[in-house]
Amino acid sequence: LTGTVHALPAGPFRVDSAGGAFQLGRKGKITFRILCKPDAPEQQFEKLYIESSDPRNPVTIINLSTTGFLKRL
């Protein structure tokens, strides 16, 4: 199985490790971390796309969300 963990656009989320292209053997697995640093007070959403050579599941979409920070005066 081959595939790609796509980068996220500029914003509060980023792929920290094992992003990009990957290749897995039989019973293989991939682990990656998504880091989040809210940059606005409102709720923010993004979609992470993972493409693979699996004809039954060529694209996996993971929905990400965060509620931003409260700025104290």
Protein backbone atom coordinates (compact mmCIF):
# COMPACT_ATOMS: atom_id res chain seq x y z
CA LEU A 1 0.00 0.00 0.00
CA THR A 2 1.35 3.40 -0.91
CA GLY A 3 -0.10 6.79 -0.19
CA THR A 4 0.28 10.38 0.91
CA VAL A 5 -0.66 12.26 4.07
CA HIS A 6 -1.31 15.73 2.66
CA ALA A 7 -0.01 18.88 4.32
CA LEU A 8 -2.54 21.18 5.92
CA PRO A 9 -2.99 24.80 4.79
CA ALA A 10 -1.78 27.61 7.02
CA GLY A 11 -3.83 27.73 10.19
CA PRO A 12 -3.99 26.19 13.62
CA PHE A 13 -3.28 22.58 12.54
CA ARG A 14 -0.15 21.00 11.14
CA VAL A 15 1.09 17.48 10.50
CA ASP A 16 4.07 17.02 12.84
CA SER A 17 5.50 13.61 11.99
CA ALA A 18 5.34 11.01 9.24
CA GLY A 19 3.49 13.31 6.87
CA GLY A 20 4.03 13.07 3.13
CA ALA A 21 4.44 9.91 1.10
CA PHE A 22 4.38 6.49 2.74
CA GLN A 23 4.68 2.83 1.82
CA LEU A 24 3.36 0.02 4.00
CA GLY A 25 3.99 -3.68 3.89
CA ARG A 26 1.46 -6.32 4.83
CA LYS A 27 -0.06 -5.54 8.26
CA GLY A 28 1.94 -2.32 8.30
CA LYS A 29 0.81 0.84 10.00
CA ILE A 30 1.64 4.52 9.95
CA THR A 31 1.51 6.90 12.89
CA PHE A 32 1.46 10.66 12.59
CA ARG A 33 0.65 13.53 14.92
CA ILE A 34 -1.48 16.56 14.29
CA LEU A 35 -0.45 19.62 16.29
CA CYS A 36 -2.91 22.39 17.00
CA LYS A 37 -2.16 25.95 18.05
CA PRO A 38 -5.39 27.97 17.94
CA ASP A 39 -4.82 31.32 16.26
CA ALA A 40 -8.32 32.79 16.62
CA PRO A 41 -10.96 32.86 19.35
CA GLU A 42 -13.68 31.17 17.31
CA GLN A 43 -14.04 27.49 16.47
CA GLN A 44 -11.90 26.44 13.51
CA PHE A 45 -12.24 23.47 11.18
CA GLU A 46 -10.00 21.73 8.68
CA LYS A 47 -9.94 18.45 6.76
CA LEU A 48 -6.89 16.20 6.57
CA TYR A 49 -6.73 14.16 3.35
CA ILE A 50 -4.92 10.83 3.14
CA GLU A 51 -4.72 9.23 -0.30
CA SER A 52 -3.79 5.58 -0.80
CA SER A 53 -3.46 2.95 -3.51
CA ASP A 54 -6.30 0.94 -1.91
CA PRO A 55 -8.95 0.78 -4.66
CA ARG A 56 -11.73 0.28 -2.08
CA ASN A 57 -10.69 3.32 -0.01
CA PRO A 58 -8.54 5.67 -2.12
CA VAL A 59 -9.15 8.77 0.04
CA THR A 60 -9.63 9.05 3.80
CA ILE A 61 -10.80 12.38 5.20
CA ILE A 62 -10.27 13.22 8.87
CA ASN A 63 -12.26 16.18 10.20
CA LEU A 64 -10.32 18.38 12.64
CA SER A 65 -11.74 21.10 14.86
CA THR A 66 -10.59 23.32 17.69
CA THR A 67 -12.15 25.97 19.85
CA GLY A 68 -9.83 28.95 20.02
CA PHE A 69 -8.31 30.69 22.96
CA LEU A 70 -9.88 33.27 25.25
CA LYS A 71 -7.86 36.44 25.45
CA ARG A 72 -7.80 37.82 28.99
CA LEU A 73 -7.27 41.52 29.52
